[in-house]
Amino acid sequence: MQVKLRLFGNYAVYLPPHSERGVAVLSAPAGATVESVLDSIDLPQSARQYVAVNGERARHDLPLHDGDEVRVIVALGGG
């Protein structure tokens, strides 16, 4: 299956070389989860604080489906 992975900010350096503008389309096996896709690009655990699938915040054990979009968003601090 094909999954679109979008990484923001400095996380984009973890995407494969064929990526454009922070987006890559990855092949993933049936039954792949958010975590397994992020593991496949060696994204550090510390970068996985806010993950969304198809625009909704998602748990790392969520099974993915063909055409899903996974976004990893940089956590911002402030106060």
Protein backbone atom coordinates (compact mmCIF):
# COMPACT_ATOMS: atom_id res chain seq x y z
CA MET A 1 0.00 0.00 0.00
CA GLN A 2 1.03 3.62 -0.46
CA VAL A 3 1.16 6.06 2.46
CA LYS A 4 1.90 9.78 2.22
CA LEU A 5 4.26 10.98 4.93
CA ARG A 6 4.54 14.70 5.64
CA LEU A 7 7.17 15.98 8.06
CA PHE A 8 7.39 19.59 9.15
CA GLY A 9 10.30 21.79 10.18
CA ASN A 10 13.63 20.18 10.90
CA TYR A 11 12.05 16.69 10.87
CA ALA A 12 12.05 16.74 7.06
CA VAL A 13 15.71 15.66 7.06
CA TYR A 14 14.52 12.13 7.93
CA LEU A 15 12.57 11.74 4.68
CA PRO A 16 14.03 9.68 1.82
CA PRO A 17 15.99 11.51 -0.91
CA HIS A 18 13.09 11.35 -3.41
CA SER A 19 10.96 13.54 -1.12
CA GLU A 20 9.78 16.99 -2.14
CA ARG A 21 8.83 19.86 0.15
CA GLY A 22 8.61 17.70 3.25
CA VAL A 23 6.45 15.02 1.63
CA ALA A 24 7.23 11.45 0.59
CA VAL A 25 5.04 8.64 -0.68
CA LEU A 26 6.17 5.41 0.92
CA SER A 27 5.33 1.80 0.23
CA ALA A 28 4.22 -0.01 3.37
CA PRO A 29 3.11 -3.59 3.89
CA ALA A 30 -0.49 -4.42 4.71
CA GLY A 31 -1.02 -4.07 8.44
CA ALA A 32 1.56 -1.31 8.81
CA THR A 33 1.02 1.08 11.70
CA VAL A 34 1.97 4.70 12.27
CA GLU A 35 4.89 3.50 14.37
CA SER A 36 6.20 1.04 11.78
CA VAL A 37 6.16 3.71 9.07
CA LEU A 38 8.01 6.17 11.31
CA ASP A 39 10.47 3.42 12.27
CA SER A 40 11.16 2.82 8.56
CA ILE A 41 12.64 6.33 8.24
CA ASP A 42 14.46 6.19 11.61
CA LEU A 43 12.51 9.12 13.03
CA PRO A 44 13.59 9.49 16.69
CA GLN A 45 11.02 8.77 19.38
CA SER A 46 11.46 12.32 20.67
CA ALA A 47 10.12 13.64 17.34
CA ARG A 48 6.86 11.67 17.56
CA GLN A 49 4.99 13.77 20.09
CA TYR A 50 2.28 15.00 17.71
CA VAL A 51 1.23 12.66 14.91
CA ALA A 52 -1.92 12.95 12.82
CA VAL A 53 -3.45 10.59 10.26
CA ASN A 54 -5.79 12.15 7.71
CA GLY A 55 -6.02 15.30 9.81
CA GLU A 56 -6.88 13.60 13.13
CA ARG A 57 -4.47 13.10 16.02
CA ALA A 58 -3.47 9.43 16.02
CA ARG A 59 -1.97 6.84 18.32
CA HIS A 60 1.23 5.18 17.18
CA ASP A 61 -0.41 1.74 17.05
CA LEU A 62 -3.09 2.88 14.58
CA PRO A 63 -3.22 0.58 11.52
CA LEU A 64 -2.81 2.47 8.25
CA HIS A 65 -4.70 2.03 4.99
CA ASP A 66 -3.78 2.65 1.39
CA GLY A 67 -3.79 6.39 0.66
CA ASP A 68 -3.56 7.55 4.30
CA GLU A 69 -1.56 10.67 5.08
CA VAL A 70 0.63 10.67 8.18
CA ARG A 71 1.81 14.06 9.46
CA VAL A 72 4.46 14.60 12.10
CA ILE A 73 4.21 18.10 13.47
CA VAL A 74 6.92 19.93 15.37
CA ALA A 75 5.86 20.66 18.93
CA LEU A 76 6.18 24.35 19.72
CA GLY A 77 6.76 25.74 23.15
CA GLY A 78 5.48 28.96 24.50
CA GLY A 79 3.81 30.50 27.36
